[in-house]
């Protein structure tokens, strides 16, 4: 059974930084692309970023480019999202998700974590 467990969320001030993590198990982590998806309060799901199986390719939603960095450590079966220059509109539950493909772009996600809440507020 695929398991994805996010952690690292919390309260951060505008302009601050935070790194969230996703611990993966139940599948061959290094065979699949991974994504981060978020959901702001009262809003729908918004794709944030994707990374290929070996970290060789990454992609980002336009509003996150230059501020967020996705990475993975396949030896630890862990996915990361480093978030810098955070804005109040980044407040959301951040979900880790598995892609069906090796080089995915977040449009073929077949497993999700429970999410971790990131609150950006002064």
Protein backbone atom coordinates (compact mmCIF):
# COMPACT_ATOMS: atom_id res chain seq x y z
CA UNK A 1 0.00 0.00 0.00
CA UNK A 2 1.29 3.40 -0.98
CA UNK A 3 1.79 5.71 1.98
CA UNK A 4 2.72 9.38 1.82
CA UNK A 5 3.15 11.32 5.05
CA UNK A 6 3.75 15.07 4.95
CA UNK A 7 5.38 17.03 7.75
CA UNK A 8 7.00 20.38 8.43
CA UNK A 9 4.04 22.71 8.14
CA UNK A 10 3.40 25.48 10.61
CA UNK A 11 3.14 29.21 11.10
CA UNK A 12 5.57 31.48 9.28
CA UNK A 13 5.68 35.24 8.77
CA UNK A 14 5.34 36.83 5.34
CA UNK A 15 8.71 36.84 3.63
CA UNK A 16 9.85 33.87 5.65
CA UNK A 17 10.84 30.36 4.65
CA UNK A 18 9.70 26.86 5.41
CA UNK A 19 10.51 23.37 4.18
CA UNK A 20 7.90 20.66 4.10
CA UNK A 21 8.72 16.99 3.70
CA UNK A 22 6.97 13.86 2.48
CA UNK A 23 7.99 10.40 3.64
CA UNK A 24 7.05 7.75 1.08
CA UNK A 25 6.63 4.01 1.46
CA UNK A 26 4.84 1.07 -0.14
CA UNK A 27 6.23 1.54 -3.64
CA UNK A 28 9.50 1.96 -5.51
CA UNK A 29 9.92 5.63 -4.78
CA UNK A 30 12.77 6.14 -7.23
CA UNK A 31 10.68 4.83 -10.15
CA UNK A 32 8.10 7.60 -10.07
CA UNK A 33 7.73 11.31 -10.48
CA UNK A 34 6.25 13.18 -7.53
CA UNK A 35 4.28 16.38 -7.09
CA UNK A 36 3.21 18.89 -4.50
CA UNK A 37 -0.37 20.14 -4.65
CA UNK A 38 -1.97 22.67 -2.31
CA UNK A 39 -5.42 23.75 -1.23
CA UNK A 40 -5.97 27.20 0.22
CA UNK A 41 -8.88 27.76 2.62
CA UNK A 42 -12.12 27.74 0.67
CA UNK A 43 -10.32 27.10 -2.62
CA UNK A 44 -9.80 24.15 -4.92
CA UNK A 45 -6.69 22.09 -5.45
CA UNK A 46 -3.77 23.88 -7.08
CA UNK A 47 -0.78 22.05 -8.50
CA UNK A 48 2.47 23.47 -7.13
CA UNK A 49 5.44 21.54 -8.47
CA UNK A 50 6.63 18.24 -9.91
CA UNK A 51 9.90 16.36 -10.01
CA UNK A 52 10.99 13.42 -12.13
CA UNK A 53 12.01 10.03 -10.75
CA UNK A 54 15.68 10.96 -10.33
CA UNK A 55 15.26 14.68 -9.75
CA UNK A 56 16.61 15.49 -13.20
CA UNK A 57 13.56 17.49 -14.26
CA UNK A 58 11.44 19.88 -12.22
CA UNK A 59 8.48 22.06 -13.01
CA UNK A 60 6.54 24.73 -11.14
CA UNK A 61 3.34 26.66 -11.28
CA UNK A 62 4.05 30.20 -12.45
CA UNK A 63 3.34 31.86 -9.11
CA UNK A 64 5.88 29.64 -7.37
CA UNK A 65 8.77 29.99 -9.80
CA UNK A 66 11.82 31.52 -8.17
CA UNK A 67 10.40 31.07 -4.67
CA UNK A 68 9.80 27.35 -4.28
CA UNK A 69 12.21 24.49 -4.90
CA UNK A 70 11.19 20.85 -5.14
CA UNK A 71 13.75 18.14 -4.44
CA UNK A 72 13.97 14.50 -3.49
CA UNK A 73 16.31 12.15 -1.68
CA UNK A 74 15.71 8.72 -3.14
CA UNK A 75 18.00 7.06 -0.61
CA UNK A 76 15.62 8.28 2.10
CA UNK A 77 12.38 7.89 0.11
CA UNK A 78 11.65 11.52 0.89
CA UNK A 79 10.28 14.43 -1.13
CA UNK A 80 10.82 18.05 -0.13
CA UNK A 81 9.45 21.48 -0.93
CA UNK A 82 11.54 24.46 0.10
CA UNK A 83 9.39 27.58 0.24
CA UNK A 84 10.99 31.03 0.37
CA UNK A 85 9.61 34.57 0.26
CA UNK A 86 6.31 33.28 1.51
CA UNK A 87 3.17 35.33 1.02
CA UNK A 88 -0.16 35.24 2.80
CA UNK A 89 -1.71 33.72 -0.32
CA UNK A 90 0.60 30.71 0.10
CA UNK A 91 -1.43 29.69 3.14
CA UNK A 92 -2.76 26.25 2.32
CA UNK A 93 -2.68 22.58 3.09
CA UNK A 94 0.22 21.14 1.11
CA UNK A 95 -0.18 17.62 -0.20
CA UNK A 96 2.44 15.22 -1.47
CA UNK A 97 1.29 13.08 -4.40
CA UNK A 98 2.68 10.23 -6.48
CA UNK A 99 2.65 10.36 -10.28
CA UNK A 100 1.87 7.34 -12.47
CA UNK A 101 4.85 8.12 -14.68
CA UNK A 102 8.59 8.51 -14.24
CA UNK A 103 8.70 12.02 -15.67
CA UNK A 104 5.42 13.52 -14.65
CA UNK A 105 4.03 17.03 -14.64
CA UNK A 106 1.32 16.60 -12.04
CA UNK A 107 -1.52 15.52 -14.29
CA UNK A 108 -1.47 11.79 -13.51
CA UNK A 109 -1.46 11.60 -9.72
CA UNK A 110 -2.64 8.32 -8.22
CA UNK A 111 -1.83 8.56 -4.51
CA UNK A 112 -1.96 11.37 -1.98
CA UNK A 113 -0.80 12.12 1.52
CA UNK A 114 -2.89 13.63 4.29
CA UNK A 115 -1.40 17.09 3.87
CA UNK A 116 0.42 19.51 6.14
CA UNK A 117 -0.89 22.99 6.90
CA UNK A 118 1.25 26.01 6.14
CA UNK A 119 -0.01 29.31 7.53
CA UNK A 120 1.65 32.54 6.42
CA UNK A 121 0.66 35.37 8.72
CA UNK A 122 2.14 38.17 10.78
